[in-house]
Amino acid sequence: KARGDLYRKGNHTYIRYEEEPNELGRTV
């Protein structure tokens, strides 16, 4: 589960969110 941002550009939809930090580090 996460919270993020949804953007639209033309016919494309983008969802961007930061994953919960874990043993592998930080990931967007």
mmCIF file of all heavy atoms, coordinates in Angstrom:
data_MODEL
# 
_entry.id   MODEL 
# 
loop_
_atom_site.group_PDB 
_atom_site.id 
_atom_site.type_symbol 
_atom_site.label_atom_id 
_atom_site.label_alt_id 
_atom_site.label_comp_id 
_atom_site.label_asym_id 
_atom_site.label_entity_id 
_atom_site.label_seq_id 
_atom_site.pdbx_PDB_ins_code 
_atom_site.Cartn_x 
_atom_site.Cartn_y 
_atom_site.Cartn_z 
_atom_site.occupancy 
_atom_site.B_iso_or_equiv 
_atom_site.pdbx_formal_charge 
_atom_site.auth_seq_id 
_atom_site.auth_comp_id 
_atom_site.auth_asym_id 
_atom_site.auth_atom_id 
_atom_site.pdbx_PDB_model_num 
ATOM 1   N N   . LYS A 1 1  ? 0.853  -1.184 0.000   1.00 0.00 ? 1  LYS A N   1 
ATOM 2   C CA  . LYS A 1 1  ? 0.000  0.000  0.000   1.00 0.00 ? 1  LYS A CA  1 
ATOM 3   C C   . LYS A 1 1  ? 0.888  1.233  0.000   1.00 0.00 ? 1  LYS A C   1 
ATOM 4   O O   . LYS A 1 1  ? 1.956  1.228  0.621   1.00 0.00 ? 1  LYS A O   1 
ATOM 5   C CB  . LYS A 1 1  ? -0.900 0.034  1.236   1.00 0.00 ? 1  LYS A CB  1 
ATOM 6   C CG  . LYS A 1 1  ? -1.912 -1.079 1.280   1.00 0.00 ? 1  LYS A CG  1 
ATOM 7   C CD  . LYS A 1 1  ? -2.751 -0.965 2.539   1.00 0.00 ? 1  LYS A CD  1 
ATOM 8   C CE  . LYS A 1 1  ? -3.745 -2.098 2.624   1.00 0.00 ? 1  LYS A CE  1 
ATOM 9   N NZ  . LYS A 1 1  ? -4.558 -1.992 3.849   1.00 0.00 ? 1  LYS A NZ  1 
ATOM 10  N N   . ALA A 1 2  ? 0.432  2.272  -0.690  1.00 0.00 ? 2  ALA A N   1 
ATOM 11  C CA  . ALA A 1 2  ? 1.208  3.519  -0.743  1.00 0.00 ? 2  ALA A CA  1 
ATOM 12  C C   . ALA A 1 2  ? 0.271  4.670  -1.079  1.00 0.00 ? 2  ALA A C   1 
ATOM 13  O O   . ALA A 1 2  ? -0.866 4.470  -1.501  1.00 0.00 ? 2  ALA A O   1 
ATOM 14  C CB  . ALA A 1 2  ? 2.316  3.411  -1.789  1.00 0.00 ? 2  ALA A CB  1 
ATOM 15  N N   . ARG A 1 3  ? 0.776  5.871  -0.901  1.00 0.00 ? 3  ARG A N   1 
ATOM 16  C CA  . ARG A 1 3  ? 0.107  7.083  -1.362  1.00 0.00 ? 3  ARG A CA  1 
ATOM 17  C C   . ARG A 1 3  ? 1.043  7.731  -2.359  1.00 0.00 ? 3  ARG A C   1 
ATOM 18  O O   . ARG A 1 3  ? 2.263  7.711  -2.191  1.00 0.00 ? 3  ARG A O   1 
ATOM 19  C CB  . ARG A 1 3  ? -0.162 8.027  -0.200  1.00 0.00 ? 3  ARG A CB  1 
ATOM 20  C CG  . ARG A 1 3  ? -1.296 7.560  0.667   1.00 0.00 ? 3  ARG A CG  1 
ATOM 21  C CD  . ARG A 1 3  ? -1.591 8.566  1.776   1.00 0.00 ? 3  ARG A CD  1 
ATOM 22  N NE  . ARG A 1 3  ? -2.931 8.435  2.282   1.00 0.00 ? 3  ARG A NE  1 
ATOM 23  C CZ  . ARG A 1 3  ? -3.342 7.460  3.071   1.00 0.00 ? 3  ARG A CZ  1 
ATOM 24  N NH1 . ARG A 1 3  ? -2.508 6.518  3.432   1.00 0.00 ? 3  ARG A NH1 1 
ATOM 25  N NH2 . ARG A 1 3  ? -4.584 7.416  3.499   1.00 0.00 ? 3  ARG A NH2 1 
ATOM 26  N N   . GLY A 1 4  ? 0.443  8.285  -3.417  1.00 0.00 ? 4  GLY A N   1 
ATOM 27  C CA  . GLY A 1 4  ? 1.282  8.884  -4.440  1.00 0.00 ? 4  GLY A CA  1 
ATOM 28  C C   . GLY A 1 4  ? 0.533  9.915  -5.245  1.00 0.00 ? 4  GLY A C   1 
ATOM 29  O O   . GLY A 1 4  ? -0.541 10.380 -4.851  1.00 0.00 ? 4  GLY A O   1 
ATOM 30  N N   . ASP A 1 5  ? 1.115  10.259 -6.387  1.00 0.00 ? 5  ASP A N   1 
ATOM 31  C CA  . ASP A 1 5  ? 0.535  11.256 -7.279  1.00 0.00 ? 5  ASP A CA  1 
ATOM 32  C C   . ASP A 1 5  ? 0.205  10.618 -8.607  1.00 0.00 ? 5  ASP A C   1 
ATOM 33  O O   . ASP A 1 5  ? 0.972  9.800  -9.117  1.00 0.00 ? 5  ASP A O   1 
ATOM 34  C CB  . ASP A 1 5  ? 1.529  12.406 -7.517  1.00 0.00 ? 5  ASP A CB  1 
ATOM 35  C CG  . ASP A 1 5  ? 1.795  13.190 -6.246  1.00 0.00 ? 5  ASP A CG  1 
ATOM 36  O OD1 . ASP A 1 5  ? 0.825  13.602 -5.595  1.00 0.00 ? 5  ASP A OD1 1 
ATOM 37  O OD2 . ASP A 1 5  ? 2.978  13.383 -5.904  1.00 0.00 ? 5  ASP A OD2 1 
ATOM 38  N N   . LEU A 1 6  ? -0.933 11.006 -9.171  1.00 0.00 ? 6  LEU A N   1 
ATOM 39  C CA  . LEU A 1 6  ? -1.358 10.553 -10.487 1.00 0.00 ? 6  LEU A CA  1 
ATOM 40  C C   . LEU A 1 6  ? -1.300 11.760 -11.414 1.00 0.00 ? 6  LEU A C   1 
ATOM 41  O O   . LEU A 1 6  ? -1.788 12.835 -11.066 1.00 0.00 ? 6  LEU A O   1 
ATOM 42  C CB  . LEU A 1 6  ? -2.784 10.001 -10.409 1.00 0.00 ? 6  LEU A CB  1 
ATOM 43  C CG  . LEU A 1 6  ? -3.375 9.476  -11.718 1.00 0.00 ? 6  LEU A CG  1 
ATOM 44  C CD1 . LEU A 1 6  ? -4.270 8.282  -11.425 1.00 0.00 ? 6  LEU A CD1 1 
ATOM 45  C CD2 . LEU A 1 6  ? -4.180 10.538 -12.425 1.00 0.00 ? 6  LEU A CD2 1 
ATOM 46  N N   . TYR A 1 7  ? -0.662 11.598 -12.561 1.00 0.00 ? 7  TYR A N   1 
ATOM 47  C CA  . TYR A 1 7  ? -0.541 12.646 -13.579 1.00 0.00 ? 7  TYR A CA  1 
ATOM 48  C C   . TYR A 1 7  ? -1.075 12.100 -14.891 1.00 0.00 ? 7  TYR A C   1 
ATOM 49  O O   . TYR A 1 7  ? -0.976 10.916 -15.149 1.00 0.00 ? 7  TYR A O   1 
ATOM 50  C CB  . TYR A 1 7  ? 0.929  13.020 -13.831 1.00 0.00 ? 7  TYR A CB  1 
ATOM 51  C CG  . TYR A 1 7  ? 1.695  13.457 -12.629 1.00 0.00 ? 7  TYR A CG  1 
ATOM 52  C CD1 . TYR A 1 7  ? 2.343  12.521 -11.824 1.00 0.00 ? 7  TYR A CD1 1 
ATOM 53  C CD2 . TYR A 1 7  ? 1.811  14.801 -12.312 1.00 0.00 ? 7  TYR A CD2 1 
ATOM 54  C CE1 . TYR A 1 7  ? 3.065  12.915 -10.723 1.00 0.00 ? 7  TYR A CE1 1 
ATOM 55  C CE2 . TYR A 1 7  ? 2.538  15.202 -11.211 1.00 0.00 ? 7  TYR A CE2 1 
ATOM 56  C CZ  . TYR A 1 7  ? 3.165  14.261 -10.419 1.00 0.00 ? 7  TYR A CZ  1 
ATOM 57  O OH  . TYR A 1 7  ? 3.888  14.647 -9.333  1.00 0.00 ? 7  TYR A OH  1 
ATOM 58  N N   . ARG A 1 8  ? -1.560 12.973 -15.726 1.00 0.00 ? 8  ARG A N   1 
ATOM 59  C CA  . ARG A 1 8  ? -1.968 12.584 -17.077 1.00 0.00 ? 8  ARG A CA  1 
ATOM 60  C C   . ARG A 1 8  ? -1.183 13.397 -18.088 1.00 0.00 ? 8  ARG A C   1 
ATOM 61  O O   . ARG A 1 8  ? -0.974 14.586 -17.906 1.00 0.00 ? 8  ARG A O   1 
ATOM 62  C CB  . ARG A 1 8  ? -3.447 12.835 -17.282 1.00 0.00 ? 8  ARG A CB  1 
ATOM 63  C CG  . ARG A 1 8  ? -4.282 11.887 -16.487 1.00 0.00 ? 8  ARG A CG  1 
ATOM 64  C CD  . ARG A 1 8  ? -5.702 11.839 -17.003 1.00 0.00 ? 8  ARG A CD  1 
ATOM 65  N NE  . ARG A 1 8  ? -6.482 10.985 -16.139 1.00 0.00 ? 8  ARG A NE  1 
ATOM 66  C CZ  . ARG A 1 8  ? -7.071 11.410 -15.031 1.00 0.00 ? 8  ARG A CZ  1 
ATOM 67  N NH1 . ARG A 1 8  ? -7.001 12.651 -14.674 1.00 0.00 ? 8  ARG A NH1 1 
ATOM 68  N NH2 . ARG A 1 8  ? -7.741 10.549 -14.291 1.00 0.00 ? 8  ARG A NH2 1 
ATOM 69  N N   . LYS A 1 9  ? -0.771 12.718 -19.153 1.00 0.00 ? 9  LYS A N   1 
ATOM 70  C CA  . LYS A 1 9  ? -0.089 13.383 -20.258 1.00 0.00 ? 9  LYS A CA  1 
ATOM 71  C C   . LYS A 1 9  ? -0.547 12.690 -21.531 1.00 0.00 ? 9  LYS A C   1 
ATOM 72  O O   . LYS A 1 9  ? -0.218 11.530 -21.760 1.00 0.00 ? 9  LYS A O   1 
ATOM 73  C CB  . LYS A 1 9  ? 1.430  13.275 -20.093 1.00 0.00 ? 9  LYS A CB  1 
ATOM 74  C CG  . LYS A 1 9  ? 2.199  14.108 -21.081 1.00 0.00 ? 9  LYS A CG  1 
ATOM 75  C CD  . LYS A 1 9  ? 3.675  14.117 -20.735 1.00 0.00 ? 9  LYS A CD  1 
ATOM 76  C CE  . LYS A 1 9  ? 4.401  15.051 -21.674 1.00 0.00 ? 9  LYS A CE  1 
ATOM 77  N NZ  . LYS A 1 9  ? 5.808  15.126 -21.378 1.00 0.00 ? 9  LYS A NZ  1 
ATOM 78  N N   . GLY A 1 10 ? -1.355 13.367 -22.319 1.00 0.00 ? 10 GLY A N   1 
ATOM 79  C CA  . GLY A 1 10 ? -1.920 12.751 -23.516 1.00 0.00 ? 10 GLY A CA  1 
ATOM 80  C C   . GLY A 1 10 ? -2.808 11.586 -23.122 1.00 0.00 ? 10 GLY A C   1 
ATOM 81  O O   . GLY A 1 10 ? -3.643 11.703 -22.238 1.00 0.00 ? 10 GLY A O   1 
ATOM 82  N N   . ASN A 1 11 ? -2.597 10.438 -23.767 1.00 0.00 ? 11 ASN A N   1 
ATOM 83  C CA  . ASN A 1 11 ? -3.376 9.234  -23.456 1.00 0.00 ? 11 ASN A CA  1 
ATOM 84  C C   . ASN A 1 11 ? -2.730 8.377  -22.374 1.00 0.00 ? 11 ASN A C   1 
ATOM 85  O O   . ASN A 1 11 ? -3.169 7.261  -22.140 1.00 0.00 ? 11 ASN A O   1 
ATOM 86  C CB  . ASN A 1 11 ? -3.550 8.376  -24.725 1.00 0.00 ? 11 ASN A CB  1 
ATOM 87  C CG  . ASN A 1 11 ? -4.428 9.056  -25.739 1.00 0.00 ? 11 ASN A CG  1 
ATOM 88  O OD1 . ASN A 1 11 ? -5.287 9.862  -25.385 1.00 0.00 ? 11 ASN A OD1 1 
ATOM 89  N ND2 . ASN A 1 11 ? -4.213 8.757  -27.006 1.00 0.00 ? 11 ASN A ND2 1 
ATOM 90  N N   . HIS A 1 12 ? -1.693 8.888  -21.744 1.00 0.00 ? 12 HIS A N   1 
ATOM 91  C CA  . HIS A 1 12 ? -0.968 8.120  -20.737 1.00 0.00 ? 12 HIS A CA  1 
ATOM 92  C C   . HIS A 1 12 ? -1.301 8.627  -19.338 1.00 0.00 ? 12 HIS A C   1 
ATOM 93  O O   . HIS A 1 12 ? -1.497 9.810  -19.132 1.00 0.00 ? 12 HIS A O   1 
ATOM 94  C CB  . HIS A 1 12 ? 0.545  8.217  -20.953 1.00 0.00 ? 12 HIS A CB  1 
ATOM 95  C CG  . HIS A 1 12 ? 0.966  7.832  -22.332 1.00 0.00 ? 12 HIS A CG  1 
ATOM 96  N ND1 . HIS A 1 12 ? 1.952  8.502  -23.000 1.00 0.00 ? 12 HIS A ND1 1 
ATOM 97  C CD2 . HIS A 1 12 ? 0.534  6.871  -23.175 1.00 0.00 ? 12 HIS A CD2 1 
ATOM 98  C CE1 . HIS A 1 12 ? 2.114  7.955  -24.188 1.00 0.00 ? 12 HIS A CE1 1 
ATOM 99  N NE2 . HIS A 1 12 ? 1.262  6.968  -24.313 1.00 0.00 ? 12 HIS A NE2 1 
ATOM 100 N N   . THR A 1 13 ? -1.307 7.691  -18.390 1.00 0.00 ? 13 THR A N   1 
ATOM 101 C CA  . THR A 1 13 ? -1.488 8.012  -16.984 1.00 0.00 ? 13 THR A CA  1 
ATOM 102 C C   . THR A 1 13 ? -0.240 7.553  -16.250 1.00 0.00 ? 13 THR A C   1 
ATOM 103 O O   . THR A 1 13 ? 0.237  6.442  -16.471 1.00 0.00 ? 13 THR A O   1 
ATOM 104 C CB  . THR A 1 13 ? -2.732 7.300  -16.414 1.00 0.00 ? 13 THR A CB  1 
ATOM 105 O OG1 . THR A 1 13 ? -3.876 7.723  -17.156 1.00 0.00 ? 13 THR A OG1 1 
ATOM 106 C CG2 . THR A 1 13 ? -2.930 7.644  -14.951 1.00 0.00 ? 13 THR A CG2 1 
ATOM 107 N N   . TYR A 1 14 ? 0.279  8.408  -15.391 1.00 0.00 ? 14 TYR A N   1 
ATOM 108 C CA  . TYR A 1 14 ? 1.473  8.094  -14.609 1.00 0.00 ? 14 TYR A CA  1 
ATOM 109 C C   . TYR A 1 14 ? 1.116  8.141  -13.131 1.00 0.00 ? 14 TYR A C   1 
ATOM 110 O O   . TYR A 1 14 ? 0.446  9.061  -12.682 1.00 0.00 ? 14 TYR A O   1 
ATOM 111 C CB  . TYR A 1 14 ? 2.584  9.117  -14.865 1.00 0.00 ? 14 TYR A CB  1 
ATOM 112 C CG  . TYR A 1 14 ? 3.065  9.139  -16.283 1.00 0.00 ? 14 TYR A CG  1 
ATOM 113 C CD1 . TYR A 1 14 ? 2.465  9.959  -17.234 1.00 0.00 ? 14 TYR A CD1 1 
ATOM 114 C CD2 . TYR A 1 14 ? 4.131  8.345  -16.697 1.00 0.00 ? 14 TYR A CD2 1 
ATOM 115 C CE1 . TYR A 1 14 ? 2.905  9.992  -18.546 1.00 0.00 ? 14 TYR A CE1 1 
ATOM 116 C CE2 . TYR A 1 14 ? 4.579  8.365  -18.009 1.00 0.00 ? 14 TYR A CE2 1 
ATOM 117 C CZ  . TYR A 1 14 ? 3.957  9.192  -18.919 1.00 0.00 ? 14 TYR A CZ  1 
ATOM 118 O OH  . TYR A 1 14 ? 4.395  9.209  -20.219 1.00 0.00 ? 14 TYR A OH  1 
ATOM 119 N N   . ILE A 1 15 ? 1.590  7.141  -12.390 1.00 0.00 ? 15 ILE A N   1 
ATOM 120 C CA  . ILE A 1 15 ? 1.418  7.107  -10.952 1.00 0.00 ? 15 ILE A CA  1 
ATOM 121 C C   . ILE A 1 15 ? 2.808  7.007  -10.352 1.00 0.00 ? 15 ILE A C   1 
ATOM 122 O O   . ILE A 1 15 ? 3.584  6.112  -10.691 1.00 0.00 ? 15 ILE A O   1 
ATOM 123 C CB  . ILE A 1 15 ? 0.546  5.914  -10.518 1.00 0.00 ? 15 ILE A CB  1 
ATOM 124 C CG1 . ILE A 1 15 ? -0.849 6.080  -11.133 1.00 0.00 ? 15 ILE A CG1 1 
ATOM 125 C CG2 . ILE A 1 15 ? 0.455  5.829  -9.007  1.00 0.00 ? 15 ILE A CG2 1 
ATOM 126 C CD1 . ILE A 1 15 ? -1.423 4.840  -11.658 1.00 0.00 ? 15 ILE A CD1 1 
ATOM 127 N N   . ARG A 1 16 ? 3.113  7.952  -9.466  1.00 0.00 ? 16 ARG A N   1 
ATOM 128 C CA  . ARG A 1 16 ? 4.448  8.004  -8.854  1.00 0.00 ? 16 ARG A CA  1 
ATOM 129 C C   . ARG A 1 16 ? 4.295  7.915  -7.345  1.00 0.00 ? 16 ARG A C   1 
ATOM 130 O O   . ARG A 1 16 ? 3.487  8.638  -6.759  1.00 0.00 ? 16 ARG A O   1 
ATOM 131 C CB  . ARG A 1 16 ? 5.132  9.316  -9.231  1.00 0.00 ? 16 ARG A CB  1 
ATOM 132 C CG  . ARG A 1 16 ? 6.552  9.437  -8.732  1.00 0.00 ? 16 ARG A CG  1 
ATOM 133 C CD  . ARG A 1 16 ? 7.134  10.797 -9.153  1.00 0.00 ? 16 ARG A CD  1 
ATOM 134 N NE  . ARG A 1 16 ? 8.498  10.928 -8.740  1.00 0.00 ? 16 ARG A NE  1 
ATOM 135 C CZ  . ARG A 1 16 ? 8.894  11.268 -7.507  1.00 0.00 ? 16 ARG A CZ  1 
ATOM 136 N NH1 . ARG A 1 16 ? 8.003  11.525 -6.578  1.00 0.00 ? 16 ARG A NH1 1 
ATOM 137 N NH2 . ARG A 1 16 ? 10.177 11.352 -7.224  1.00 0.00 ? 16 ARG A NH2 1 
ATOM 138 N N   . TYR A 1 17 ? 5.075  7.024  -6.717  1.00 0.00 ? 17 TYR A N   1 
ATOM 139 C CA  . TYR A 1 17 ? 5.020  6.894  -5.264  1.00 0.00 ? 17 TYR A CA  1 
ATOM 140 C C   . TYR A 1 17 ? 6.359  6.401  -4.737  1.00 0.00 ? 17 TYR A C   1 
ATOM 141 O O   . TYR A 1 17 ? 7.148  5.801  -5.456  1.00 0.00 ? 17 TYR A O   1 
ATOM 142 C CB  . TYR A 1 17 ? 3.890  5.957  -4.821  1.00 0.00 ? 17 TYR A CB  1 
ATOM 143 C CG  . TYR A 1 17 ? 4.058  4.521  -5.255  1.00 0.00 ? 17 TYR A CG  1 
ATOM 144 C CD1 . TYR A 1 17 ? 4.655  3.583  -4.412  1.00 0.00 ? 17 TYR A CD1 1 
ATOM 145 C CD2 . TYR A 1 17 ? 3.610  4.089  -6.496  1.00 0.00 ? 17 TYR A CD2 1 
ATOM 146 C CE1 . TYR A 1 17 ? 4.807  2.268  -4.811  1.00 0.00 ? 17 TYR A CE1 1 
ATOM 147 C CE2 . TYR A 1 17 ? 3.755  2.766  -6.898  1.00 0.00 ? 17 TYR A CE2 1 
ATOM 148 C CZ  . TYR A 1 17 ? 4.357  1.874  -6.052  1.00 0.00 ? 17 TYR A CZ  1 
ATOM 149 O OH  . TYR A 1 17 ? 4.508  0.568  -6.448  1.00 0.00 ? 17 TYR A OH  1 
ATOM 150 N N   . GLU A 1 18 ? 6.582  6.685  -3.458  1.00 0.00 ? 18 GLU A N   1 
ATOM 151 C CA  . GLU A 1 18 ? 7.790  6.201  -2.789  1.00 0.00 ? 18 GLU A CA  1 
ATOM 152 C C   . GLU A 1 18 ? 7.424  4.938  -2.026  1.00 0.00 ? 18 GLU A C   1 
ATOM 153 O O   . GLU A 1 18 ? 6.439  4.916  -1.285  1.00 0.00 ? 18 GLU A O   1 
ATOM 154 C CB  . GLU A 1 18 ? 8.342  7.254  -1.837  1.00 0.00 ? 18 GLU A CB  1 
ATOM 155 C CG  . GLU A 1 18 ? 9.676  6.852  -1.260  1.00 0.00 ? 18 GLU A CG  1 
ATOM 156 C CD  . GLU A 1 18 ? 10.385 7.973  -0.512  1.00 0.00 ? 18 GLU A CD  1 
ATOM 157 O OE1 . GLU A 1 18 ? 10.122 9.147  -0.813  1.00 0.00 ? 18 GLU A OE1 1 
ATOM 158 O OE2 . GLU A 1 18 ? 11.196 7.652  0.375   1.00 0.00 ? 18 GLU A OE2 1 
ATOM 159 N N   . GLU A 1 19 ? 8.214  3.893  -2.241  1.00 0.00 ? 19 GLU A N   1 
ATOM 160 C CA  . GLU A 1 19 ? 7.981  2.641  -1.534  1.00 0.00 ? 19 GLU A CA  1 
ATOM 161 C C   . GLU A 1 19 ? 8.402  2.795  -0.079  1.00 0.00 ? 19 GLU A C   1 
ATOM 162 O O   . GLU A 1 19 ? 9.239  3.632  0.255   1.00 0.00 ? 19 GLU A O   1 
ATOM 163 C CB  . GLU A 1 19 ? 8.770  1.503  -2.191  1.00 0.00 ? 19 GLU A CB  1 
ATOM 164 C CG  . GLU A 1 19 ? 8.325  1.211  -3.603  1.00 0.00 ? 19 GLU A CG  1 
ATOM 165 C CD  . GLU A 1 19 ? 9.101  0.075  -4.247  1.00 0.00 ? 19 GLU A CD  1 
ATOM 166 O OE1 . GLU A 1 19 ? 9.736  -0.716 -3.518  1.00 0.00 ? 19 GLU A OE1 1 
ATOM 167 O OE2 . GLU A 1 19 ? 9.054  -0.016 -5.485  1.00 0.00 ? 19 GLU A OE2 1 
ATOM 168 N N   . GLU A 1 20 ? 7.809  1.960  0.773   1.00 0.00 ? 20 GLU A N   1 
ATOM 169 C CA  . GLU A 1 20 ? 8.223  1.949  2.182   1.00 0.00 ? 20 GLU A CA  1 
ATOM 170 C C   . GLU A 1 20 ? 9.707  1.587  2.241   1.00 0.00 ? 20 GLU A C   1 
ATOM 171 O O   . GLU A 1 20 ? 10.125 0.610  1.608   1.00 0.00 ? 20 GLU A O   1 
ATOM 172 C CB  . GLU A 1 20 ? 7.425  0.896  2.967   1.00 0.00 ? 20 GLU A CB  1 
ATOM 173 C CG  . GLU A 1 20 ? 5.996  1.287  3.238   1.00 0.00 ? 20 GLU A CG  1 
ATOM 174 C CD  . GLU A 1 20 ? 5.873  2.404  4.245   1.00 0.00 ? 20 GLU A CD  1 
ATOM 175 O OE1 . GLU A 1 20 ? 6.632  2.423  5.233   1.00 0.00 ? 20 GLU A OE1 1 
ATOM 176 O OE2 . GLU A 1 20 ? 5.022  3.276  4.034   1.00 0.00 ? 20 GLU A OE2 1 
ATOM 177 N N   . PRO A 1 21 ? 10.510 2.360  2.983   1.00 0.00 ? 21 PRO A N   1 
ATOM 178 C CA  . PRO A 1 21 ? 11.934 1.994  3.102   1.00 0.00 ? 21 PRO A CA  1 
ATOM 179 C C   . PRO A 1 21 ? 12.059 0.585  3.699   1.00 0.00 ? 21 PRO A C   1 
ATOM 180 O O   . PRO A 1 21 ? 11.297 0.211  4.579   1.00 0.00 ? 21 PRO A O   1 
ATOM 181 C CB  . PRO A 1 21 ? 12.507 3.043  4.053   1.00 0.00 ? 21 PRO A CB  1 
ATOM 182 C CG  . PRO A 1 21 ? 11.549 4.195  3.971   1.00 0.00 ? 21 PRO A CG  1 
ATOM 183 C CD  . PRO A 1 21 ? 10.200 3.578  3.697   1.00 0.00 ? 21 PRO A CD  1 
ATOM 184 N N   . ASN A 1 22 ? 13.008 -0.184 3.177   1.00 0.00 ? 22 ASN A N   1 
ATOM 185 C CA  . ASN A 1 22 ? 13.230 -1.541 3.688   1.00 0.00 ? 22 ASN A CA  1 
ATOM 186 C C   . ASN A 1 22 ? 14.722 -1.834 3.692   1.00 0.00 ? 22 ASN A C   1 
ATOM 187 O O   . ASN A 1 22 ? 15.536 -0.931 3.505   1.00 0.00 ? 22 ASN A O   1 
ATOM 188 C CB  . ASN A 1 22 ? 12.434 -2.565 2.874   1.00 0.00 ? 22 ASN A CB  1 
ATOM 189 C CG  . ASN A 1 22 ? 12.821 -2.548 1.406   1.00 0.00 ? 22 ASN A CG  1 
ATOM 190 O OD1 . ASN A 1 22 ? 13.988 -2.366 1.056   1.00 0.00 ? 22 ASN A OD1 1 
ATOM 191 N ND2 . ASN A 1 22 ? 11.852 -2.743 0.530   1.00 0.00 ? 22 ASN A ND2 1 
ATOM 192 N N   . GLU A 1 23 ? 15.078 -3.102 3.859   1.00 0.00 ? 23 GLU A N   1 
ATOM 193 C CA  . GLU A 1 23 ? 16.493 -3.475 3.945   1.00 0.00 ? 23 GLU A CA  1 
ATOM 194 C C   . GLU A 1 23 ? 17.260 -3.164 2.669   1.00 0.00 ? 23 GLU A C   1 
ATOM 195 O O   . GLU A 1 23 ? 18.477 -3.053 2.680   1.00 0.00 ? 23 GLU A O   1 
ATOM 196 C CB  . GLU A 1 23 ? 16.645 -4.959 4.318   1.00 0.00 ? 23 GLU A CB  1 
ATOM 197 C CG  . GLU A 1 23 ? 16.138 -5.942 3.288   1.00 0.00 ? 23 GLU A CG  1 
ATOM 198 C CD  . GLU A 1 23 ? 14.638 -6.219 3.353   1.00 0.00 ? 23 GLU A CD  1 
ATOM 199 O OE1 . GLU A 1 23 ? 13.951 -5.684 4.231   1.00 0.00 ? 23 GLU A OE1 1 
ATOM 200 O OE2 . GLU A 1 23 ? 14.153 -6.966 2.494   1.00 0.00 ? 23 GLU A OE2 1 
ATOM 201 N N   . LEU A 1 24 ? 16.545 -3.007 1.537   1.00 0.00 ? 24 LEU A N   1 
ATOM 202 C CA  . LEU A 1 24 ? 17.215 -2.671 0.282   1.00 0.00 ? 24 LEU A CA  1 
ATOM 203 C C   . LEU A 1 24 ? 17.384 -1.164 0.098   1.00 0.00 ? 24 LEU A C   1 
ATOM 204 O O   . LEU A 1 24 ? 18.016 -0.738 -0.862  1.00 0.00 ? 24 LEU A O   1 
ATOM 205 C CB  . LEU A 1 24 ? 16.446 -3.260 -0.907  1.00 0.00 ? 24 LEU A CB  1 
ATOM 206 C CG  . LEU A 1 24 ? 16.404 -4.780 -0.969  1.00 0.00 ? 24 LEU A CG  1 
ATOM 207 C CD1 . LEU A 1 24 ? 15.511 -5.246 -2.108  1.00 0.00 ? 24 LEU A CD1 1 
ATOM 208 C CD2 . LEU A 1 24 ? 17.796 -5.371 -1.103  1.00 0.00 ? 24 LEU A CD2 1 
ATOM 209 N N   . GLY A 1 25 ? 16.781 -0.363 0.991   1.00 0.00 ? 25 GLY A N   1 
ATOM 210 C CA  . GLY A 1 25 ? 16.950 1.089  0.912   1.00 0.00 ? 25 GLY A CA  1 
ATOM 211 C C   . GLY A 1 25 ? 15.689 1.805  0.465   1.00 0.00 ? 25 GLY A C   1 
ATOM 212 O O   . GLY A 1 25 ? 14.572 1.358  0.700   1.00 0.00 ? 25 GLY A O   1 
ATOM 213 N N   . ARG A 1 26 ? 15.884 2.936  -0.206  1.00 0.00 ? 26 ARG A N   1 
ATOM 214 C CA  . ARG A 1 26 ? 14.790 3.829  -0.617  1.00 0.00 ? 26 ARG A CA  1 
ATOM 215 C C   . ARG A 1 26 ? 14.587 3.719  -2.127  1.00 0.00 ? 26 ARG A C   1 
ATOM 216 O O   . ARG A 1 26 ? 15.550 3.782  -2.895  1.00 0.00 ? 26 ARG A O   1 
ATOM 217 C CB  . ARG A 1 26 ? 15.175 5.256  -0.233  1.00 0.00 ? 26 ARG A CB  1 
ATOM 218 C CG  . ARG A 1 26 ? 14.094 6.256  -0.472  1.00 0.00 ? 26 ARG A CG  1 
ATOM 219 C CD  . ARG A 1 26 ? 14.504 7.615  0.127   1.00 0.00 ? 26 ARG A CD  1 
ATOM 220 N NE  . ARG A 1 26 ? 13.569 8.611  -0.359  1.00 0.00 ? 26 ARG A NE  1 
ATOM 221 C CZ  . ARG A 1 26 ? 13.800 9.404  -1.401  1.00 0.00 ? 26 ARG A CZ  1 
ATOM 222 N NH1 . ARG A 1 26 ? 14.958 9.343  -2.040  1.00 0.00 ? 26 ARG A NH1 1 
ATOM 223 N NH2 . ARG A 1 26 ? 12.896 10.264 -1.796  1.00 0.00 ? 26 ARG A NH2 1 
ATOM 224 N N   . THR A 1 27 ? 13.322 3.586  -2.535  1.00 0.00 ? 27 THR A N   1 
ATOM 225 C CA  . THR A 1 27 ? 13.012 3.421  -3.954  1.00 0.00 ? 27 THR A CA  1 
ATOM 226 C C   . THR A 1 27 ? 11.754 4.202  -4.311  1.00 0.00 ? 27 THR A C   1 
ATOM 227 O O   . THR A 1 27 ? 10.769 4.162  -3.580  1.00 0.00 ? 27 THR A O   1 
ATOM 228 C CB  . THR A 1 27 ? 12.808 1.930  -4.300  1.00 0.00 ? 27 THR A CB  1 
ATOM 229 O OG1 . THR A 1 27 ? 13.998 1.218  -3.949  1.00 0.00 ? 27 THR A OG1 1 
ATOM 230 C CG2 . THR A 1 27 ? 12.523 1.723  -5.770  1.00 0.00 ? 27 THR A CG2 1 
ATOM 231 N N   . VAL A 1 28 ? 11.795 4.906  -5.443  1.00 0.00 ? 28 VAL A N   1 
ATOM 232 C CA  . VAL A 1 28 ? 10.630 5.599  -5.983  1.00 0.00 ? 28 VAL A CA  1 
ATOM 233 C C   . VAL A 1 28 ? 10.165 4.827  -7.210  1.00 0.00 ? 28 VAL A C   1 
ATOM 234 O O   . VAL A 1 28 ? 10.967 4.451  -8.060  1.00 0.00 ? 28 VAL A O   1 
ATOM 235 C CB  . VAL A 1 28 ? 10.968 7.063  -6.357  1.00 0.00 ? 28 VAL A CB  1 
ATOM 236 C CG1 . VAL A 1 28 ? 9.787  7.737  -7.048  1.00 0.00 ? 28 VAL A CG1 1 
ATOM 237 C CG2 . VAL A 1 28 ? 11.380 7.844  -5.118  1.00 0.00 ? 28 VAL A CG2 1 
# 
